[in-house]
Protein backbone atom coordinates (compact mmCIF):
# COMPACT_ATOMS: atom_id res chain seq x y z
CA MET A 1 66.19 72.50 -190.74
CA ASP A 2 65.44 73.27 -194.39
CA ILE A 3 66.32 76.83 -195.41
CA ALA A 4 65.86 78.40 -198.83
CA THR A 5 68.29 81.18 -199.78
CA ILE A 6 67.01 83.79 -202.23
CA VAL A 7 69.29 86.42 -203.79
CA LEU A 8 67.45 89.38 -205.31
CA SER A 9 69.49 90.42 -208.34
CA ALA A 10 66.93 91.45 -210.96
CA GLY A 11 67.28 95.24 -210.82
CA LYS A 12 68.50 97.37 -213.69
CA GLY A 13 70.38 99.83 -211.50
CA THR A 14 69.07 102.95 -213.24
CA ARG A 15 71.23 105.28 -211.15
CA MET A 16 74.35 103.50 -212.37
CA ASN A 17 73.80 105.12 -215.80
CA SER A 18 75.36 102.09 -217.45
CA GLU A 19 74.31 99.48 -219.99
CA ILE A 20 75.88 96.81 -217.79
CA PRO A 21 73.44 95.16 -215.34
CA LYS A 22 74.15 96.40 -211.83
CA VAL A 23 75.19 93.02 -210.45
CA LEU A 24 77.75 92.57 -213.24
CA HIS A 25 79.75 95.64 -212.30
CA LYS A 26 83.01 94.65 -210.64
CA VAL A 27 84.38 95.19 -207.16
CA LEU A 28 88.11 94.47 -206.99
CA GLY A 29 87.98 92.59 -210.26
CA LYS A 30 85.03 90.35 -209.35
CA GLU A 31 81.43 90.83 -210.46
CA ILE A 32 79.08 91.87 -207.66
CA ILE A 33 76.94 88.77 -208.13
CA LEU A 34 80.01 86.57 -207.60
CA TRP A 35 80.50 88.13 -204.17
CA SER A 36 76.94 86.99 -203.38
CA ASN A 37 77.82 83.51 -204.67
CA GLU A 38 80.78 83.46 -202.30
CA ALA A 39 78.76 84.55 -199.26
CA ILE A 40 76.24 81.71 -199.66
CA LYS A 41 78.54 79.03 -201.08
CA ASN A 42 77.95 76.72 -198.08
CA PHE A 43 74.17 77.13 -198.13
CA GLU A 44 71.75 74.74 -199.81
CA ASN A 45 68.56 75.44 -201.79
CA LYS A 46 69.87 78.62 -203.48
CA PHE A 47 67.74 80.73 -205.82
CA PHE A 48 68.76 83.86 -207.74
CA VAL A 49 66.00 86.20 -208.94
CA ILE A 50 67.22 87.78 -212.17
CA GLY A 51 65.51 90.22 -214.51
CA HIS A 52 67.28 93.00 -216.41
CA GLN A 53 69.47 91.40 -219.11
CA HIS A 54 68.95 88.07 -217.36
CA GLU A 55 70.59 86.22 -220.27
CA LEU A 56 73.92 87.81 -219.27
CA VAL A 57 73.43 87.55 -215.51
CA LYS A 58 72.52 83.85 -215.64
CA ASP A 59 76.02 82.96 -216.84
CA TYR A 60 77.45 84.11 -213.50
CA ILE A 61 75.20 81.99 -211.31
CA SER A 62 76.80 78.83 -209.95
CA ASN A 63 75.58 75.42 -211.07
CA GLU A 64 74.34 74.74 -207.54
CA SER A 65 71.85 77.60 -207.75
CA GLN A 66 68.53 77.96 -209.53
CA ALA A 67 67.77 81.08 -211.61
CA ILE A 68 64.22 82.48 -211.50
CA VAL A 69 63.36 85.24 -213.96
CA GLN A 70 61.37 88.28 -212.84
CA GLU A 71 60.16 89.47 -216.23
CA GLU A 72 58.77 92.78 -214.96
CA GLN A 73 60.56 94.47 -212.07
CA LEU A 74 57.87 95.76 -209.72
CA GLY A 75 59.86 95.86 -206.51
CA THR A 76 61.49 93.52 -204.00
CA GLY A 77 58.14 92.27 -202.70
CA HIS A 78 57.11 91.39 -206.23
CA ALA A 79 60.43 89.55 -206.72
CA LEU A 80 59.73 87.38 -203.69
CA SER A 81 56.19 86.67 -204.90
CA VAL A 82 57.64 85.52 -208.24
CA VAL A 83 59.76 83.00 -206.35
CA PHE A 84 56.75 81.78 -204.36
CA ASN A 85 54.95 81.12 -207.63
CA ASP A 86 57.82 79.28 -209.31
CA GLU A 87 57.54 75.51 -209.73
CA SER A 88 61.22 74.88 -209.01
CA PHE A 89 60.84 76.62 -205.64
CA LEU A 90 57.49 75.09 -204.79
CA SER A 91 58.77 71.56 -205.39
CA LYS A 92 59.96 71.55 -201.79
CA THR A 93 58.72 72.94 -198.46
CA TYR A 94 61.09 74.91 -196.25
CA ASP A 95 61.20 75.99 -192.62
CA TYR A 96 62.81 79.38 -193.19
CA VAL A 97 63.68 81.65 -196.09
CA LEU A 98 66.87 83.72 -196.14
CA VAL A 99 66.59 86.74 -198.46
CA ILE A 100 69.62 88.85 -199.40
CA PRO A 101 70.08 91.63 -201.97
CA GLY A 102 72.43 90.86 -204.82
CA ASP A 103 74.18 94.23 -204.56
CA VAL A 104 75.73 93.92 -201.06
CA PRO A 105 79.16 92.45 -201.87
CA LEU A 106 80.80 92.61 -198.43
CA ILE A 107 78.20 90.71 -196.42
CA GLN A 108 79.86 87.85 -194.59
CA GLU A 109 78.66 84.28 -194.18
CA GLU A 110 79.10 84.67 -190.40
CA ILE A 111 76.46 87.42 -190.27
CA LEU A 112 74.02 85.33 -192.29
CA ASN A 113 74.57 82.34 -189.99
CA SER A 114 74.11 84.57 -186.93
CA LEU A 115 70.81 85.88 -188.30
CA ILE A 116 69.51 82.41 -189.09
CA SER A 117 70.59 81.04 -185.71
CA LYS A 118 68.91 83.87 -183.79
CA VAL A 119 65.65 83.54 -185.72
CA VAL A 120 65.53 79.75 -185.39
CA THR A 121 66.48 79.75 -181.69
CA SER A 122 63.93 82.46 -180.87
CA LYS A 123 61.27 80.89 -183.09
CA ALA A 124 60.68 84.30 -184.61
CA SER A 125 58.72 84.90 -187.79
CA ILE A 126 61.00 87.67 -189.00
CA GLY A 127 64.61 88.65 -188.47
CA PHE A 128 66.73 91.09 -190.39
CA VAL A 129 70.15 92.74 -190.33
CA VAL A 130 70.42 96.41 -189.38
CA SER A 131 73.27 98.88 -189.03
CA SER A 132 73.79 102.34 -187.56
CA VAL A 133 75.32 104.47 -190.30
CA LYS A 134 76.76 107.96 -190.63
CA GLU A 135 74.82 108.75 -193.79
CA SER A 136 71.41 107.10 -194.09
CA PHE A 137 70.26 108.69 -197.36
CA GLY A 138 68.85 106.12 -199.78
CA TYR A 139 68.31 103.41 -197.18
CA GLY A 140 65.13 102.19 -195.55
CA ARG A 141 64.87 103.54 -191.97
CA VAL A 142 64.07 101.05 -189.20
CA ILE A 143 61.35 102.40 -186.91
CA ILE A 144 61.49 101.06 -183.35
CA ASP A 145 59.20 101.95 -180.41
CA LYS A 146 60.27 102.78 -176.84
CA GLU A 147 60.29 99.09 -175.93
CA ASP A 148 62.66 98.30 -178.84
CA ASN A 149 59.90 96.61 -180.81
CA VAL A 150 60.36 96.82 -184.56
CA LEU A 151 57.35 98.67 -185.99
CA LYS A 152 58.18 99.04 -189.67
CA ILE A 153 60.75 99.97 -192.29
CA VAL A 154 60.22 103.21 -194.21
CA GLU A 155 61.81 103.65 -197.62
CA GLU A 156 63.64 106.89 -198.45
CA LYS A 157 60.99 108.30 -200.80
CA ASP A 158 58.18 107.55 -198.36
CA ALA A 159 59.93 108.77 -195.20
CA SER A 160 58.87 111.92 -193.35
CA ASN A 161 61.45 114.57 -192.43
CA GLU A 162 61.64 113.18 -188.89
CA GLU A 163 62.05 109.61 -190.13
CA LYS A 164 64.85 110.68 -192.45
CA LYS A 165 66.87 111.72 -189.38
CA ILE A 166 66.98 108.11 -188.17
CA ASN A 167 70.37 106.48 -188.78
CA LEU A 168 69.38 102.86 -188.02
CA ILE A 169 68.93 101.41 -191.46
CA ASN A 170 67.73 98.20 -193.02
CA SER A 171 70.34 96.13 -194.85
CA GLY A 172 67.81 94.27 -197.00
CA ILE A 173 68.96 90.96 -195.48
CA TYR A 174 66.10 88.96 -193.95
CA CYS A 175 65.25 85.61 -192.50
CA PHE A 176 61.51 84.82 -192.63
CA GLY A 177 59.48 81.91 -191.49
CA TYR A 178 58.38 80.11 -194.65
CA GLU A 179 54.74 79.91 -193.57
CA PHE A 180 54.70 83.61 -192.68
CA ILE A 181 55.71 84.63 -196.21
CA LYS A 182 53.37 82.10 -197.78
CA ASN A 183 50.44 83.53 -195.81
CA HIS A 184 51.25 87.23 -196.22
CA ILE A 185 53.07 87.79 -199.53
CA GLY A 186 49.73 88.31 -201.28
CA GLN A 187 48.84 91.17 -198.91
CA LEU A 188 51.58 93.52 -200.15
CA SER A 189 50.38 96.73 -201.78
CA ASP A 190 51.95 99.07 -204.34
CA VAL A 191 50.34 102.19 -202.87
CA ASN A 192 53.52 104.22 -202.40
CA GLU A 193 55.70 106.79 -204.14
CA GLN A 194 57.42 104.19 -206.32
CA LYS A 195 54.26 102.22 -207.17
CA GLU A 196 56.15 99.07 -206.24
CA PHE A 197 55.60 96.12 -203.93
CA TYR A 198 58.03 96.52 -201.02
CA LEU A 199 59.43 93.49 -199.25
CA THR A 200 59.85 95.75 -196.22
CA ASP A 201 56.06 95.99 -195.83
CA LEU A 202 56.17 92.42 -194.51
CA ILE A 203 57.75 93.85 -191.35
CA GLU A 204 54.76 96.10 -190.69
CA LEU A 205 52.38 93.24 -191.48
CA GLY A 206 54.26 91.09 -188.99
CA PHE A 207 54.03 93.76 -186.29
CA ASN A 208 50.30 94.21 -186.85
CA LYS A 209 49.86 90.44 -186.55
CA LYS A 210 51.93 90.52 -183.31
CA GLU A 211 54.54 88.23 -184.84
CA LYS A 212 57.96 87.98 -183.19
CA ILE A 213 60.41 90.27 -184.99
CA LEU A 214 64.09 90.59 -184.16
CA VAL A 215 67.19 92.27 -185.57
CA VAL A 216 70.89 91.49 -185.80
CA GLU A 217 73.28 94.43 -186.02
CA SER A 218 76.26 94.40 -188.36
CA SER A 219 78.95 96.92 -189.34
CA GLU A 220 78.16 99.65 -191.83
CA VAL A 221 80.79 98.38 -194.28
CA SER A 222 79.41 94.84 -194.36
CA ILE A 223 75.95 95.96 -195.51
CA MET A 224 76.95 98.69 -197.98
CA GLY A 225 74.82 98.43 -201.11
CA ILE A 226 75.47 99.72 -204.62
CA ASN A 227 72.96 101.85 -206.49
CA SER A 228 75.24 104.39 -208.18
CA MET A 229 78.79 104.72 -209.47
CA ASP A 230 79.58 106.87 -206.44
CA GLN A 231 78.48 104.08 -204.11
CA LEU A 232 80.47 101.58 -206.17
CA HIS A 233 83.54 103.77 -205.77
CA ASN A 234 83.05 104.12 -202.02
CA LEU A 235 82.44 100.42 -201.50
CA GLU A 236 85.47 99.42 -203.54
CA ARG A 237 87.60 101.74 -201.44
CA GLU A 238 86.40 99.96 -198.29
CA ALA A 239 86.93 96.56 -199.91
CA ARG A 240 90.48 97.53 -200.93
CA GLU A 241 91.32 98.35 -197.34
CA ILE A 242 89.98 95.00 -196.13
CA ILE A 243 91.95 93.06 -198.76
CA ILE A 244 95.19 94.97 -198.18
CA ASN A 245 94.94 94.54 -194.41
CA MET A 246 94.48 90.81 -194.96
CA HIS A 247 97.73 90.69 -196.95
CA ILE A 248 99.52 92.80 -194.33
CA ASP A 249 98.44 90.30 -191.67
CA ASN A 250 99.97 87.57 -193.86
CA GLY A 251 103.37 89.28 -193.90
CA VAL A 252 103.19 91.48 -197.01
CA TYR A 253 104.70 95.00 -196.87
CA PHE A 254 102.97 97.91 -198.60
CA GLN A 255 105.02 101.05 -199.19
CA ASP A 256 101.85 103.11 -199.81
CA SER A 257 98.61 101.20 -199.40
CA SER A 258 96.60 104.17 -200.69
CA THR A 259 98.07 103.64 -204.18
CA ALA A 260 97.99 99.84 -204.19
CA TYR A 261 95.20 98.15 -206.14
CA ILE A 262 94.85 94.47 -205.31
CA ASP A 263 92.01 92.41 -206.75
CA ASP A 264 90.14 89.95 -204.58
CA GLY A 265 91.54 86.92 -206.41
CA VAL A 266 95.22 87.84 -205.92
CA SER A 267 97.61 85.76 -203.79
CA ILE A 268 100.81 87.29 -202.36
CA GLY A 269 103.52 85.40 -200.50
CA SER A 270 104.94 86.57 -197.16
CA GLY A 271 107.97 88.83 -197.21
CA THR A 272 106.98 90.43 -200.51
CA LYS A 273 107.19 94.22 -200.83
CA ILE A 274 104.52 96.03 -202.81
CA LEU A 275 105.81 99.47 -203.76
CA ALA A 276 103.79 102.57 -204.65
CA ASN A 277 101.24 102.60 -207.46
CA THR A 278 101.18 98.86 -208.05
CA HIS A 279 98.19 97.07 -209.59
CA LEU A 280 97.82 93.31 -209.07
CA LEU A 281 94.76 92.17 -210.98
CA GLY A 282 92.71 89.07 -211.77
CA ASN A 283 94.06 85.71 -210.65
CA THR A 284 97.62 86.87 -210.12
CA VAL A 285 99.92 84.90 -207.81
CA VAL A 286 103.07 86.53 -206.42
CA GLY A 287 105.55 84.34 -204.56
CA GLU A 288 107.47 85.03 -201.37
CA ASN A 289 110.10 87.73 -200.86
CA CYS A 290 109.46 89.52 -204.14
CA THR A 291 109.68 93.24 -204.85
CA ILE A 292 106.88 94.50 -207.05
CA GLY A 293 106.75 98.10 -208.27
CA PRO A 294 106.69 100.97 -208.18
CA ASN A 295 104.39 101.81 -211.09
CA THR A 296 103.77 98.22 -212.10
CA MET A 297 100.68 96.37 -213.39
CA ILE A 298 100.45 92.57 -213.28
CA SER A 299 97.29 90.77 -214.40
CA ASP A 300 96.41 87.05 -214.40
CA SER A 301 100.06 86.06 -214.01
CA ASP A 302 102.33 84.00 -211.73
CA ILE A 303 105.49 85.61 -210.39
CA GLY A 304 108.01 83.25 -208.78
CA SER A 305 109.55 83.84 -205.37
CA ARG A 306 112.46 86.26 -204.90
CA SER A 307 111.66 88.03 -208.18
CA LYS A 308 111.69 91.75 -208.94
CA VAL A 309 109.27 93.57 -211.26
CA LEU A 310 110.07 97.25 -211.70
CA TYR A 311 108.07 99.86 -213.68
CA SER A 312 106.63 97.12 -215.89
CA VAL A 313 103.48 95.51 -217.30
CA VAL A 314 102.93 91.73 -217.12
CA SER A 315 99.81 90.08 -218.60
CA GLU A 316 98.79 86.39 -218.62
CA SER A 317 102.37 85.24 -218.16
CA SER A 318 104.44 83.28 -215.66
CA THR A 319 107.91 83.25 -214.17
CA LYS A 320 109.90 80.90 -211.98
CA GLU A 321 112.16 82.05 -209.13
CA GLU A 322 114.61 84.97 -208.98
CA VAL A 323 113.49 86.65 -212.18
CA GLN A 324 114.17 90.32 -212.88
CA ILE A 325 111.73 92.27 -215.05
CA GLY A 326 112.15 95.91 -216.00
CA PRO A 327 112.38 98.76 -215.76
CA TYR A 328 109.76 99.45 -218.45
CA ALA A 329 109.48 95.88 -219.71
CA HIS A 330 106.29 94.44 -221.20
CA LEU A 331 105.46 90.75 -220.88
CA ARG A 332 102.50 90.12 -223.13
CA PRO A 333 100.26 87.03 -222.87
CA GLY A 334 101.95 83.66 -223.13
CA SER A 335 105.39 84.72 -221.87
CA ASN A 336 106.91 82.04 -219.64
CA LEU A 337 110.23 82.78 -217.94
CA GLY A 338 112.46 80.22 -216.23
CA SER A 339 114.58 80.81 -213.13
CA ASN A 340 117.14 83.63 -213.06
CA VAL A 341 115.83 85.13 -216.30
CA LYS A 342 116.21 88.84 -216.95
CA VAL A 343 113.90 90.86 -219.20
CA GLY A 344 115.30 94.35 -218.98
CA ALA A 345 114.63 97.96 -219.88
CA PHE A 346 112.17 98.52 -222.73
CA ALA A 347 112.24 94.84 -223.70
CA GLU A 348 109.07 93.05 -224.81
CA THR A 349 108.10 89.40 -224.97
CA LYS A 350 105.02 87.64 -226.34
CA LYS A 351 103.99 83.97 -226.46
CA SER A 352 107.53 82.82 -225.77
CA ASN A 353 109.32 80.42 -223.45
CA ILE A 354 112.63 81.69 -222.09
CA GLY A 355 114.84 79.14 -220.33
CA ASP A 356 116.73 79.33 -217.03
CA GLY A 357 119.49 81.91 -216.87
CA SER A 358 118.71 83.56 -220.21
CA LYS A 359 118.78 87.32 -220.63
CA VAL A 360 116.83 89.73 -222.80
CA PRO A 361 118.50 92.79 -221.30
CA HIS A 362 117.09 95.83 -223.08
CA LEU A 363 115.50 97.28 -226.20
CA ALA A 364 114.74 93.81 -227.58
CA TYR A 365 111.66 91.91 -228.75
CA VAL A 366 111.02 88.18 -228.42
CA GLY A 367 107.74 87.01 -229.97
CA ASP A 368 106.76 83.38 -230.67
CA GLY A 369 110.15 82.26 -229.44
CA GLU A 370 111.53 79.09 -227.87
CA ILE A 371 114.68 80.22 -226.10
CA GLU A 372 116.59 77.62 -224.13
CA GLY A 373 118.78 78.26 -221.10
CA ASN A 374 121.72 80.65 -220.73
CA VAL A 375 121.04 82.53 -223.96
CA ASN A 376 122.10 86.16 -224.29
CA PHE A 377 119.70 88.17 -226.45
CA SER A 378 121.41 91.52 -226.88
CA ALA A 379 120.13 95.10 -227.19
CA GLY A 380 118.13 95.85 -230.32
CA ALA A 381 117.81 92.21 -231.37
CA ILE A 382 114.34 90.97 -232.36
CA THR A 383 112.53 87.89 -233.56
CA VAL A 384 110.79 88.84 -236.80
CA ASN A 385 107.83 86.57 -236.19
CA TYR A 386 105.23 87.97 -238.62
CA ASP A 387 105.51 87.84 -242.43
CA GLY A 388 102.27 89.73 -243.06
CA GLU A 389 100.11 86.60 -243.12
CA ASN A 390 101.40 84.11 -240.53
CA LYS A 391 103.18 84.07 -237.18
CA ASN A 392 106.31 81.90 -237.23
CA LYS A 393 108.54 80.54 -234.48
CA THR A 394 112.16 81.27 -233.63
CA ILE A 395 114.13 78.58 -231.77
CA ILE A 396 117.39 79.43 -230.00
CA LYS A 397 119.33 76.57 -228.47
CA GLU A 398 121.25 76.43 -225.18
CA GLY A 399 124.01 78.97 -224.61
CA ALA A 400 123.68 80.86 -227.89
CA PHE A 401 124.73 84.50 -228.09
CA ILE A 402 122.60 86.86 -230.18
CA GLY A 403 124.42 90.16 -230.78
CA SER A 404 123.00 93.66 -230.95
CA ASP A 405 120.66 94.64 -233.78
CA VAL A 406 120.26 91.05 -235.04
CA MET A 407 117.02 90.32 -236.92
CA LEU A 408 116.03 86.66 -236.66
CA VAL A 409 113.50 86.18 -239.47
CA ALA A 410 111.26 83.28 -238.47
CA PRO A 411 110.98 80.42 -238.99
CA VAL A 412 114.61 79.98 -237.97
CA THR A 413 116.65 77.86 -235.54
CA ILE A 414 119.92 79.02 -233.91
CA GLY A 415 122.10 76.12 -232.77
CA GLU A 416 123.58 75.42 -229.37
CA GLY A 417 126.43 77.78 -228.45
CA ALA A 418 126.17 79.73 -231.70
CA VAL A 419 127.27 83.35 -231.87
CA ILE A 420 125.38 85.74 -234.15
């Protein structure tokens, strides 16, 4: 069974009031279009329709997918017609075509597979995902007759007052028979409020032709789309809850999940405690049995097991096991801490390696440093790494003791066991 998967991601997202293309806005640290990539990662014959600022959007499409540019955005039906006139698409014939919007980040692969399976098994010409929602404003309403036959989908701006009361809405996720689209895509009309070609009109065409049309129902959260900053905010709130519950199921404790912000790419080991107002961002990895927070932000960093990070900021850095950071410490990019290292109150590190058992207890700065194991770097001591033109390195050998208020003017090397 040959199936083509088409992701419609050409829209500007006017209601977002942003210069950033809609599909490049982020949900839990990951661009919306990357969520679409994830949902269809196991599918073959993937095509992304891109339009507004397509030069930027194209960079986020996986190598396994083909980008097709919709130069002028005249609606979802027009986007599909662009695909059916593209040589890269026409180089092969398919049995079915799966169409999904590029702005529905939480759709799951299981729902897509269920839709495809139902359409193929029933030999239907059209199948699409629907959901019963609390607030249907902005969505296309699904009109069904008394015998549960799908009649049509009415867009918000074209809906009557009675139709606007319907809470069964179209998700924008379809599975069509290839031949059905090929034979009917040219019959779409732009006679509507928006003066656009609606993909949804294919449903009404199918009903009029007595084609078999079926629906698959999914949860409201899974089909939430994004057309405004308010919708982005609401969807991210739902996504946060899903991600946090996943970590809870894996043995992570959250003191206050309402103030925890965990990006989609974050990994947290079992037994770890996430205290209030903690932000774990990017590709952060936190080991087992750690305590993180409160009031802590860690981005794109690895924190070793049994470590504590208190009231601190850690960026693009790494630690081994049983490290203590904070309160009010700042690990800037390139800080690498060994086991049993302490970086204490109001201390700062940058682009430095600090060996096992070493301590930078408080009110100190280590930049461009190579500090070996069991070094004590006392309060107020700093590496003077910048001479106004160049950054220079400070090397401190095993077991050295650097006293309070010492200025190590780089480049300089402190020998093993030395006391300054």
